[in-house]
PDB file of N, CA and C in Angstrom:
ATOM      1  N   UNK A   1     -22.985 -15.670 -34.244  1.00  0.00           N
ATOM      2  CA  UNK A   1     -21.990 -14.718 -34.065  1.00  0.00           C
ATOM      3  C   UNK A   1     -21.467 -14.419 -32.568  1.00  0.00           C
ATOM      4  N   UNK A   2     -20.384 -14.456 -32.884  1.00  0.00           N
ATOM      5  CA  UNK A   2     -19.308 -14.598 -31.883  1.00  0.00           C
ATOM      6  C   UNK A   2     -19.433 -12.915 -30.527  1.00  0.00           C
ATOM      7  N   UNK A   3     -19.327 -13.265 -29.375  1.00  0.00           N
ATOM      8  CA  UNK A   3     -19.566 -12.022 -28.540  1.00  0.00           C
ATOM      9  C   UNK A   3     -17.964 -11.110 -28.944  1.00  0.00           C
ATOM     10  N   UNK A   4     -17.073 -11.397 -29.478  1.00  0.00           N
ATOM     11  CA  UNK A   4     -16.152  -9.729 -30.169  1.00  0.00           C
ATOM     12  C   UNK A   4     -16.841  -9.400 -31.211  1.00  0.00           C
ATOM     13  N   UNK A   5     -17.597 -10.011 -32.514  1.00  0.00           N
ATOM     14  CA  UNK A   5     -17.938  -9.551 -33.398  1.00  0.00           C
ATOM     15  C   UNK A   5     -19.394  -8.640 -33.015  1.00  0.00           C
ATOM     16  N   UNK A   6     -20.206  -9.014 -32.301  1.00  0.00           N
ATOM     17  CA  UNK A   6     -21.043  -8.373 -32.012  1.00  0.00           C
ATOM     18  C   UNK A   6     -20.552  -7.247 -31.082  1.00  0.00           C
ATOM     19  N   UNK A   7     -19.407  -6.909 -30.355  1.00  0.00           N
ATOM     20  CA  UNK A   7     -18.745  -6.249 -29.396  1.00  0.00           C
ATOM     21  C   UNK A   7     -18.055  -4.942 -30.654  1.00  0.00           C
ATOM     22  N   UNK A   8     -17.831  -5.339 -31.864  1.00  0.00           N
ATOM     23  CA  UNK A   8     -17.211  -4.477 -32.826  1.00  0.00           C
ATOM     24  C   UNK A   8     -18.569  -3.912 -34.008  1.00  0.00           C
ATOM     25  N   UNK A   9     -19.513  -4.269 -34.116  1.00  0.00           N
ATOM     26  CA  UNK A   9     -20.277  -3.873 -34.593  1.00  0.00           C
ATOM     27  C   UNK A   9     -21.225  -2.885 -33.821  1.00  0.00           C
ATOM     28  N   UNK A  10     -21.582  -3.190 -32.631  1.00  0.00           N
ATOM     29  CA  UNK A  10     -22.031  -2.307 -31.246  1.00  0.00           C
ATOM     30  C   UNK A  10     -21.021  -1.093 -31.599  1.00  0.00           C
ATOM     31  N   UNK A  11     -19.763  -1.135 -31.247  1.00  0.00           N
ATOM     32  CA  UNK A  11     -18.868   0.144 -31.495  1.00  0.00           C
ATOM     33  C   UNK A  11     -18.841   0.667 -32.727  1.00  0.00           C
ATOM     34  N   UNK A  12     -19.350  -0.109 -33.728  1.00  0.00           N
ATOM     35  CA  UNK A  12     -19.121   0.720 -35.399  1.00  0.00           C
ATOM     36  C   UNK A  12     -20.659   1.576 -35.285  1.00  0.00           C
ATOM     37  N   UNK A  13     -21.630   0.942 -35.044  1.00  0.00           N
ATOM     38  CA  UNK A  13     -22.783   1.925 -34.838  1.00  0.00           C
ATOM     39  C   UNK A  13     -22.463   3.296 -33.984  1.00  0.00           C
ATOM     40  N   UNK A  14     -21.585   2.920 -33.376  1.00  0.00           N
ATOM     41  CA  UNK A  14     -21.589   4.274 -32.486  1.00  0.00           C
ATOM     42  C   UNK A  14     -20.991   5.520 -33.096  1.00  0.00           C
ATOM     43  N   UNK A  15     -20.475   5.410 -34.227  1.00  0.00           N
ATOM     44  CA  UNK A  15     -19.717   6.672 -35.135  1.00  0.00           C
ATOM     45  C   UNK A  15     -20.403   7.370 -35.991  1.00  0.00           C
ATOM     46  N   UNK A  16     -20.693   8.570 -35.704  1.00  0.00           N
ATOM     47  CA  UNK A  16     -21.543   9.586 -36.255  1.00  0.00           C
ATOM     48  C   UNK A  16     -21.571   9.728 -37.492  1.00  0.00           C
ATOM     49  N   UNK A  17     -22.834  10.321 -38.497  1.00  0.00           N
ATOM     50  CA  UNK A  17     -22.387  10.438 -39.585  1.00  0.00           C
ATOM     51  C   UNK A  17     -21.265  11.822 -39.824  1.00  0.00           C
ATOM     52  N   UNK A  18     -20.743  11.828 -40.649  1.00  0.00           N
ATOM     53  CA  UNK A  18     -19.571  12.993 -41.095  1.00  0.00           C
ATOM     54  C   UNK A  18     -18.130  12.801 -39.840  1.00  0.00           C
ATOM     55  N   UNK A  19     -18.222  11.491 -39.299  1.00  0.00           N
ATOM     56  CA  UNK A  19     -16.809  11.172 -38.691  1.00  0.00           C
ATOM     57  C   UNK A  19     -16.539  10.161 -38.815  1.00  0.00           C
ATOM     58  N   UNK A  20     -15.475   9.894 -38.741  1.00  0.00           N
ATOM     59  CA  UNK A  20     -15.022   7.818 -38.745  1.00  0.00           C
ATOM     60  C   UNK A  20     -13.947   7.642 -37.356  1.00  0.00           C
ATOM     61  N   UNK A  21     -13.453   6.444 -37.675  1.00  0.00           N
ATOM     62  CA  UNK A  21     -12.763   6.241 -36.449  1.00  0.00           C
ATOM     63  C   UNK A  21     -11.783   5.028 -37.058  1.00  0.00           C
ATOM     64  N   UNK A  22     -10.936   4.658 -36.208  1.00  0.00           N
ATOM     65  CA  UNK A  22      -9.998   3.478 -36.743  1.00  0.00           C
ATOM     66  C   UNK A  22     -10.213   2.340 -36.428  1.00  0.00           C
ATOM     67  N   UNK A  23      -9.632   1.239 -36.962  1.00  0.00           N
ATOM     68  CA  UNK A  23      -9.921  -0.330 -36.649  1.00  0.00           C
ATOM     69  C   UNK A  23      -9.071  -0.449 -35.186  1.00  0.00           C
ATOM     70  N   UNK A  24      -8.076   0.513 -34.971  1.00  0.00           N
ATOM     71  CA  UNK A  24      -7.128   0.055 -33.691  1.00  0.00           C
ATOM     72  C   UNK A  24      -8.534   0.796 -32.407  1.00  0.00           C
ATOM     73  N   UNK A  25      -8.756   2.073 -32.838  1.00  0.00           N
ATOM     74  CA  UNK A  25      -9.869   2.707 -32.134  1.00  0.00           C
ATOM     75  C   UNK A  25     -11.119   2.336 -31.329  1.00  0.00           C
ATOM     76  N   UNK A  26     -11.429   1.281 -32.718  1.00  0.00           N
ATOM     77  CA  UNK A  26     -12.416   0.277 -32.291  1.00  0.00           C
ATOM     78  C   UNK A  26     -12.238  -1.137 -31.330  1.00  0.00           C
ATOM     79  N   UNK A  27     -10.841  -1.527 -31.897  1.00  0.00           N
ATOM     80  CA  UNK A  27     -10.405  -2.618 -30.588  1.00  0.00           C
ATOM     81  C   UNK A  27     -10.100  -1.825 -29.328  1.00  0.00           C
ATOM     82  N   UNK A  28      -9.710  -0.808 -29.098  1.00  0.00           N
ATOM     83  CA  UNK A  28      -9.564  -0.357 -28.026  1.00  0.00           C
ATOM     84  C   UNK A  28     -11.066  -0.023 -27.019  1.00  0.00           C
ATOM     85  N   UNK A  29     -11.418   0.489 -27.602  1.00  0.00           N
ATOM     86  CA  UNK A  29     -12.687   0.737 -27.109  1.00  0.00           C
ATOM     87  C   UNK A  29     -13.567  -0.357 -26.682  1.00  0.00           C
ATOM     88  N   UNK A  30     -13.177  -1.809 -27.132  1.00  0.00           N
ATOM     89  CA  UNK A  30     -14.295  -2.942 -26.814  1.00  0.00           C
ATOM     90  C   UNK A  30     -13.228  -3.906 -25.836  1.00  0.00           C
ATOM     91  N   UNK A  31     -11.969  -2.947 -25.314  1.00  0.00           N
ATOM     92  CA  UNK A  31     -10.986  -3.464 -24.415  1.00  0.00           C
ATOM     93  C   UNK A  31      -9.862  -5.244 -24.708  1.00  0.00           C
ATOM     94  N   UNK A  32      -9.938  -4.878 -26.279  1.00  0.00           N
ATOM     95  CA  UNK A  32      -9.303  -5.398 -27.345  1.00  0.00           C
ATOM     96  C   UNK A  32      -8.039  -4.830 -27.931  1.00  0.00           C
ATOM     97  N   UNK A  33      -7.061  -4.067 -27.360  1.00  0.00           N
ATOM     98  CA  UNK A  33      -5.746  -3.141 -27.580  1.00  0.00           C
ATOM     99  C   UNK A  33      -5.161  -4.225 -28.505  1.00  0.00           C
ATOM    100  N   UNK A  34      -4.447  -3.822 -29.721  1.00  0.00           N
ATOM    101  CA  UNK A  34      -3.472  -4.747 -30.531  1.00  0.00           C
ATOM    102  C   UNK A  34      -4.386  -5.662 -31.209  1.00  0.00           C
ATOM    103  N   UNK A  35      -5.526  -5.148 -31.399  1.00  0.00           N
ATOM    104  CA  UNK A  35      -6.574  -6.304 -32.474  1.00  0.00           C
ATOM    105  C   UNK A  35      -7.499  -5.469 -33.606  1.00  0.00           C
ATOM    106  N   UNK A  36      -6.836  -4.419 -34.079  1.00  0.00           N
ATOM    107  CA  UNK A  36      -7.450  -3.473 -35.138  1.00  0.00           C
ATOM    108  C   UNK A  36      -7.182  -4.402 -36.178  1.00  0.00           C
ATOM    109  N   UNK A  37      -6.706  -5.470 -36.802  1.00  0.00           N
ATOM    110  CA  UNK A  37      -6.489  -6.251 -37.695  1.00  0.00           C
ATOM    111  C   UNK A  37      -7.794  -7.369 -37.749  1.00  0.00           C
ATOM    112  N   UNK A  38      -7.698  -7.561 -36.569  1.00  0.00           N
ATOM    113  CA  UNK A  38      -9.551  -8.495 -35.705  1.00  0.00           C
ATOM    114  C   UNK A  38     -10.413  -7.798 -36.355  1.00  0.00           C
ATOM    115  N   UNK A  39     -10.237  -6.289 -36.313  1.00  0.00           N
ATOM    116  CA  UNK A  39     -11.338  -5.531 -35.927  1.00  0.00           C
ATOM    117  C   UNK A  39     -12.092  -5.711 -37.717  1.00  0.00           C
ATOM    118  N   UNK A  40     -10.904  -5.450 -38.554  1.00  0.00           N
ATOM    119  CA  UNK A  40     -11.026  -5.514 -39.702  1.00  0.00           C
ATOM    120  C   UNK A  40     -11.519  -6.467 -40.692  1.00  0.00           C
ATOM    121  N   UNK A  41     -11.232  -7.518 -39.984  1.00  0.00           N
ATOM    122  CA  UNK A  41     -11.805  -8.983 -40.595  1.00  0.00           C
ATOM    123  C   UNK A  41     -12.925  -9.008 -40.281  1.00  0.00           C
ATOM    124  N   UNK A  42     -13.830  -8.884 -39.104  1.00  0.00           N
ATOM    125  CA  UNK A  42     -14.812  -8.600 -38.607  1.00  0.00           C
ATOM    126  C   UNK A  42     -16.096  -7.739 -39.793  1.00  0.00           C
ATOM    127  N   UNK A  43     -14.939  -6.552 -40.081  1.00  0.00           N
ATOM    128  CA  UNK A  43     -15.795  -5.654 -40.855  1.00  0.00           C
ATOM    129  C   UNK A  43     -16.100  -5.948 -42.263  1.00  0.00           C
ATOM    130  N   UNK A  44     -14.787  -6.420 -42.711  1.00  0.00           N
ATOM    131  CA  UNK A  44     -14.951  -7.238 -43.590  1.00  0.00           C
ATOM    132  C   UNK A  44     -16.227  -8.066 -43.957  1.00  0.00           C
ATOM    133  N   UNK A  45     -16.574  -8.891 -43.158  1.00  0.00           N
ATOM    134  CA  UNK A  45     -17.696  -9.731 -43.456  1.00  0.00           C
ATOM    135  C   UNK A  45     -18.989  -9.148 -43.219  1.00  0.00           C
ATOM    136  N   UNK A  46     -19.171  -7.902 -42.983  1.00  0.00           N
ATOM    137  CA  UNK A  46     -20.422  -7.229 -42.549  1.00  0.00           C
ATOM    138  C   UNK A  46     -21.480  -6.889 -43.638  1.00  0.00           C
ATOM    139  N   UNK A  47     -22.413  -7.608 -43.720  1.00  0.00           N
ATOM    140  CA  UNK A  47     -23.339  -7.726 -44.536  1.00  0.00           C
ATOM    141  C   UNK A  47     -24.601  -7.051 -44.105  1.00  0.00           C
ATOM    142  N   UNK A  48     -24.395  -6.239 -42.984  1.00  0.00           N
ATOM    143  CA  UNK A  48     -25.464  -5.101 -43.121  1.00  0.00           C
ATOM    144  C   UNK A  48     -25.272  -3.745 -42.819  1.00  0.00           C
ATOM    145  N   UNK A  49     -24.755  -3.356 -43.897  1.00  0.00           N
ATOM    146  CA  UNK A  49     -24.332  -1.959 -43.947  1.00  0.00           C
ATOM    147  C   UNK A  49     -25.026  -1.380 -43.863  1.00  0.00           C
ATOM    148  N   UNK A  50     -26.098  -0.816 -44.016  1.00  0.00           N
ATOM    149  CA  UNK A  50     -27.287  -0.235 -43.355  1.00  0.00           C
ATOM    150  C   UNK A  50     -26.964   0.220 -41.998  1.00  0.00           C
ATOM    151  N   UNK A  51     -27.169  -0.909 -41.337  1.00  0.00           N
ATOM    152  CA  UNK A  51     -27.279  -0.596 -40.004  1.00  0.00           C
ATOM    153  C   UNK A  51     -26.046  -0.322 -39.203  1.00  0.00           C
ATOM    154  N   UNK A  52     -25.058  -1.256 -39.947  1.00  0.00           N
ATOM    155  CA  UNK A  52     -23.508  -1.383 -39.258  1.00  0.00           C
ATOM    156  C   UNK A  52     -22.571  -0.581 -40.089  1.00  0.00           C
ATOM    157  N   UNK A  53     -22.267   0.792 -40.081  1.00  0.00           N
ATOM    158  CA  UNK A  53     -21.385   1.254 -40.905  1.00  0.00           C
ATOM    159  C   UNK A  53     -20.337   1.623 -40.939  1.00  0.00           C
ATOM    160  N   UNK A  54     -19.535   0.419 -41.194  1.00  0.00           N
ATOM    161  CA  UNK A  54     -18.531   0.190 -41.599  1.00  0.00           C
ATOM    162  C   UNK A  54     -17.795   0.696 -42.201  1.00  0.00           C
ATOM    163  N   UNK A  55     -18.375   1.822 -42.829  1.00  0.00           N
ATOM    164  CA  UNK A  55     -17.628   2.373 -43.902  1.00  0.00           C
ATOM    165  C   UNK A  55     -17.009   3.752 -43.433  1.00  0.00           C
ATOM    166  N   UNK A  56     -17.448   3.862 -41.895  1.00  0.00           N
ATOM    167  CA  UNK A  56     -17.355   4.944 -41.513  1.00  0.00           C
ATOM    168  C   UNK A  56     -15.392   4.516 -40.208  1.00  0.00           C
ATOM    169  N   UNK A  57     -14.998   3.356 -40.697  1.00  0.00           N
ATOM    170  CA  UNK A  57     -13.818   3.238 -40.102  1.00  0.00           C
ATOM    171  C   UNK A  57     -12.773   2.912 -41.076  1.00  0.00           C
ATOM    172  N   UNK A  58     -11.405   3.633 -40.744  1.00  0.00           N
ATOM    173  CA  UNK A  58     -10.354   3.400 -41.335  1.00  0.00           C
ATOM    174  C   UNK A  58      -9.245   3.158 -40.472  1.00  0.00           C
ATOM    175  N   UNK A  59      -7.915   3.127 -41.398  1.00  0.00           N
ATOM    176  CA  UNK A  59      -6.963   3.061 -41.082  1.00  0.00           C
ATOM    177  C   UNK A  59      -6.275   4.036 -40.502  1.00  0.00           C
ATOM    178  N   UNK A  60      -5.020   3.357 -39.348  1.00  0.00           N
ATOM    179  CA  UNK A  60      -4.500   4.639 -38.312  1.00  0.00           C
ATOM    180  C   UNK A  60      -4.073   5.609 -38.986  1.00  0.00           C
ATOM    181  N   UNK A  61      -3.748   5.609 -40.475  1.00  0.00           N
ATOM    182  CA  UNK A  61      -2.939   6.505 -40.670  1.00  0.00           C
ATOM    183  C   UNK A  61      -3.408   7.291 -41.777  1.00  0.00           C
ATOM    184  N   UNK A  62      -5.285   7.043 -41.741  1.00  0.00           N
ATOM    185  CA  UNK A  62      -6.409   8.143 -42.220  1.00  0.00           C
ATOM    186  C   UNK A  62      -6.254   7.873 -43.311  1.00  0.00           C
ATOM    187  N   UNK A  63      -5.418   6.387 -44.178  1.00  0.00           N
ATOM    188  CA  UNK A  63      -6.039   5.862 -45.401  1.00  0.00           C
ATOM    189  C   UNK A  63      -7.480   4.977 -45.393  1.00  0.00           C
ATOM    190  N   UNK A  64      -7.939   5.176 -46.445  1.00  0.00           N
ATOM    191  CA  UNK A  64      -9.729   4.897 -46.250  1.00  0.00           C
ATOM    192  C   UNK A  64      -9.956   3.482 -45.997  1.00  0.00           C
ATOM    193  N   UNK A  65      -8.992   2.557 -46.484  1.00  0.00           N
ATOM    194  CA  UNK A  65      -9.080   1.002 -46.563  1.00  0.00           C
ATOM    195  C   UNK A  65      -9.840   0.889 -46.964  1.00  0.00           C
ATOM    196  N   UNK A  66     -10.047  -1.103 -47.093  1.00  0.00           N
ATOM    197  CA  UNK A  66     -11.021  -1.717 -47.639  1.00  0.00           C
ATOM    198  C   UNK A  66     -12.452  -1.223 -47.395  1.00  0.00           C
ATOM    199  N   UNK A  67     -13.625  -1.776 -47.715  1.00  0.00           N
ATOM    200  CA  UNK A  67     -14.739  -1.729 -47.934  1.00  0.00           C
ATOM    201  C   UNK A  67     -15.314  -3.268 -48.500  1.00  0.00           C
ATOM    202  N   UNK A  68     -16.676  -3.864 -48.258  1.00  0.00           N
ATOM    203  CA  UNK A  68     -17.528  -4.812 -48.487  1.00  0.00           C
ATOM    204  C   UNK A  68     -17.535  -4.875 -50.256  1.00  0.00           C
ATOM    205  N   UNK A  69     -18.163  -3.395 -50.209  1.00  0.00           N
ATOM    206  CA  UNK A  69     -18.600  -2.593 -51.354  1.00  0.00           C
ATOM    207  C   UNK A  69     -17.453  -2.061 -52.360  1.00  0.00           C
ATOM    208  N   UNK A  70     -16.364  -2.239 -52.230  1.00  0.00           N
ATOM    209  CA  UNK A  70     -15.246  -1.389 -52.597  1.00  0.00           C
ATOM    210  C   UNK A  70     -15.033  -0.188 -52.301  1.00  0.00           C
ATOM    211  N   UNK A  71     -13.718   0.413 -52.391  1.00  0.00           N
ATOM    212  CA  UNK A  71     -13.290   1.138 -51.968  1.00  0.00           C
ATOM    213  C   UNK A  71     -13.541   2.473 -52.318  1.00  0.00           C
ATOM    214  N   UNK A  72     -14.074   2.606 -53.685  1.00  0.00           N
ATOM    215  CA  UNK A  72     -14.770   3.776 -54.352  1.00  0.00           C
ATOM    216  C   UNK A  72     -15.994   3.926 -53.682  1.00  0.00           C
ATOM    217  N   UNK A  73     -16.622   3.046 -53.269  1.00  0.00           N
ATOM    218  CA  UNK A  73     -17.794   3.270 -52.818  1.00  0.00           C
ATOM    219  C   UNK A  73     -17.813   3.729 -51.456  1.00  0.00           C
ATOM    220  N   UNK A  74     -17.139   3.079 -50.532  1.00  0.00           N
ATOM    221  CA  UNK A  74     -16.722   4.026 -49.332  1.00  0.00           C
ATOM    222  C   UNK A  74     -16.465   5.301 -49.250  1.00  0.00           C
ATOM    223  N   UNK A  75     -15.297   5.754 -50.085  1.00  0.00           N
ATOM    224  CA  UNK A  75     -15.000   7.167 -50.441  1.00  0.00           C
ATOM    225  C   UNK A  75     -16.279   7.934 -50.902  1.00  0.00           C
ATOM    226  N   UNK A  76     -17.215   7.046 -51.882  1.00  0.00           N
ATOM    227  CA  UNK A  76     -18.348   8.280 -51.955  1.00  0.00           C
ATOM    228  C   UNK A  76     -18.827   8.200 -50.659  1.00  0.00           C
ATOM    229  N   UNK A  77     -19.399   7.159 -50.376  1.00  0.00           N
ATOM    230  CA  UNK A  77     -20.300   7.315 -48.810  1.00  0.00           C
ATOM    231  C   UNK A  77     -19.831   8.240 -47.832  1.00  0.00           C
ATOM    232  N   UNK A  78     -18.557   8.411 -47.597  1.00  0.00           N
ATOM    233  CA  UNK A  78     -17.652   9.343 -46.935  1.00  0.00           C
ATOM    234  C   UNK A  78     -18.165  10.255 -47.095  1.00  0.00           C
ATOM    235  N   UNK A  79     -17.769  11.011 -48.883  1.00  0.00           N
ATOM    236  CA  UNK A  79     -17.946  12.390 -48.801  1.00  0.00           C
ATOM    237  C   UNK A  79     -19.448  12.851 -48.998  1.00  0.00           C
ATOM    238  N   UNK A  80     -19.959  11.564 -49.004  1.00  0.00           N
ATOM    239  CA  UNK A  80     -21.557  12.297 -49.130  1.00  0.00           C
ATOM    240  C   UNK A  80     -22.002  12.610 -47.285  1.00  0.00           C
ATOM    241  N   UNK A  81     -21.271  12.188 -46.482  1.00  0.00           N
ATOM    242  CA  UNK A  81     -21.641  12.597 -45.592  1.00  0.00           C
ATOM    243  C   UNK A  81     -20.788  13.977 -45.068  1.00  0.00           C
ATOM    244  N   UNK A  82     -19.989  14.213 -45.881  1.00  0.00           N
ATOM    245  CA  UNK A  82     -19.201  15.226 -45.301  1.00  0.00           C
ATOM    246  C   UNK A  82     -18.038  15.493 -45.022  1.00  0.00           C
ATOM    247  N   UNK A  83     -17.474  13.952 -44.912  1.00  0.00           N
ATOM    248  CA  UNK A  83     -15.931  13.818 -44.707  1.00  0.00           C
ATOM    249  C   UNK A  83     -15.092  13.975 -45.857  1.00  0.00           C
ATOM    250  N   UNK A  84     -13.963  14.725 -45.653  1.00  0.00           N
ATOM    251  CA  UNK A  84     -12.990  15.527 -46.438  1.00  0.00           C
ATOM    252  C   UNK A  84     -11.684  14.263 -46.645  1.00  0.00           C
ATOM    253  N   UNK A  85     -11.793  13.715 -48.108  1.00  0.00           N
ATOM    254  CA  UNK A  85     -10.600  12.657 -48.345  1.00  0.00           C
ATOM    255  C   UNK A  85      -9.904  13.330 -49.032  1.00  0.00           C
ATOM    256  N   UNK A  86      -8.601  13.434 -48.865  1.00  0.00           N
ATOM    257  CA  UNK A  86      -7.620  13.880 -50.284  1.00  0.00           C
ATOM    258  C   UNK A  86      -6.506  13.157 -50.161  1.00  0.00           C
ATOM    259  N   UNK A  87      -6.310  12.349 -51.394  1.00  0.00           N
ATOM    260  CA  UNK A  87      -5.058  11.615 -51.872  1.00  0.00           C
ATOM    261  C   UNK A  87      -5.679  10.102 -51.581  1.00  0.00           C
ATOM    262  N   UNK A  88      -6.592   9.883 -50.962  1.00  0.00           N
ATOM    263  CA  UNK A  88      -6.782   8.511 -50.559  1.00  0.00           C
ATOM    264  C   UNK A  88      -6.684   8.605 -48.505  1.00  0.00           C
ATOM    265  N   UNK A  89      -7.095   9.769 -48.232  1.00  0.00           N
ATOM    266  CA  UNK A  89      -6.465   9.874 -46.686  1.00  0.00           C
ATOM    267  C   UNK A  89      -8.027  10.826 -46.444  1.00  0.00           C
ATOM    268  N   UNK A  90      -8.439  10.159 -44.987  1.00  0.00           N
ATOM    269  CA  UNK A  90      -9.395  11.260 -44.283  1.00  0.00           C
ATOM    270  C   UNK A  90      -8.490  12.350 -43.574  1.00  0.00           C
ATOM    271  N   UNK A  91      -9.307  13.228 -43.793  1.00  0.00           N
ATOM    272  CA  UNK A  91      -8.824  14.464 -43.220  1.00  0.00           C
ATOM    273  C   UNK A  91      -8.867  14.362 -41.651  1.00  0.00           C
ATOM    274  N   UNK A  92      -7.734  14.708 -40.575  1.00  0.00           N
ATOM    275  CA  UNK A  92      -7.469  14.182 -39.265  1.00  0.00           C
ATOM    276  C   UNK A  92      -8.801  14.800 -38.602  1.00  0.00           C
ATOM    277  N   UNK A  93      -9.508  15.871 -38.868  1.00  0.00           N
ATOM    278  CA  UNK A  93     -10.527  16.514 -38.177  1.00  0.00           C
ATOM    279  C   UNK A  93     -11.487  15.618 -38.084  1.00  0.00           C
ATOM    280  N   UNK A  94     -12.018  14.698 -38.951  1.00  0.00           N
ATOM    281  CA  UNK A  94     -13.080  13.611 -38.886  1.00  0.00           C
ATOM    282  C   UNK A  94     -13.062  12.602 -38.035  1.00  0.00           C
ATOM    283  N   UNK A  95     -11.420  11.913 -37.241  1.00  0.00           N
ATOM    284  CA  UNK A  95     -11.286  10.982 -36.985  1.00  0.00           C
ATOM    285  C   UNK A  95     -11.874  10.782 -35.384  1.00  0.00           C
ATOM    286  N   UNK A  96     -12.454  10.334 -34.935  1.00  0.00           N
ATOM    287  CA  UNK A  96     -12.769  10.242 -33.184  1.00  0.00           C
ATOM    288  C   UNK A  96     -12.661   8.854 -32.464  1.00  0.00           C
ATOM    289  N   UNK A  97     -12.563   9.038 -31.186  1.00  0.00           N
ATOM    290  CA  UNK A  97     -12.847   7.903 -30.312  1.00  0.00           C
ATOM    291  C   UNK A  97     -14.544   7.204 -30.273  1.00  0.00           C
ATOM    292  N   UNK A  98     -14.694   6.000 -29.934  1.00  0.00           N
ATOM    293  CA  UNK A  98     -16.198   5.708 -29.839  1.00  0.00           C
ATOM    294  C   UNK A  98     -15.880   4.916 -28.510  1.00  0.00           C
TER     295      UNK A  98
END
């Protein structure tokens, strides 16, 4: 695992239940401003979704985005944690910096 991947996973683990962050905010928090797409690529390969809650990372515009287990499962998990989603977008009140 590369240092970049490790830093993405560590940052993702800081997102608490009931909150989400964005790919861009993860990139910024690890000192890789502009690497949102690279963050998404790392999370797309996450095989430890129990300990690394990549379902809590969404697109900058609030769209839910992809998930290794499918978008429907991502939405189910987020709603179970209390995140409000309307028309495929997360309510802004749930988006935090990490």
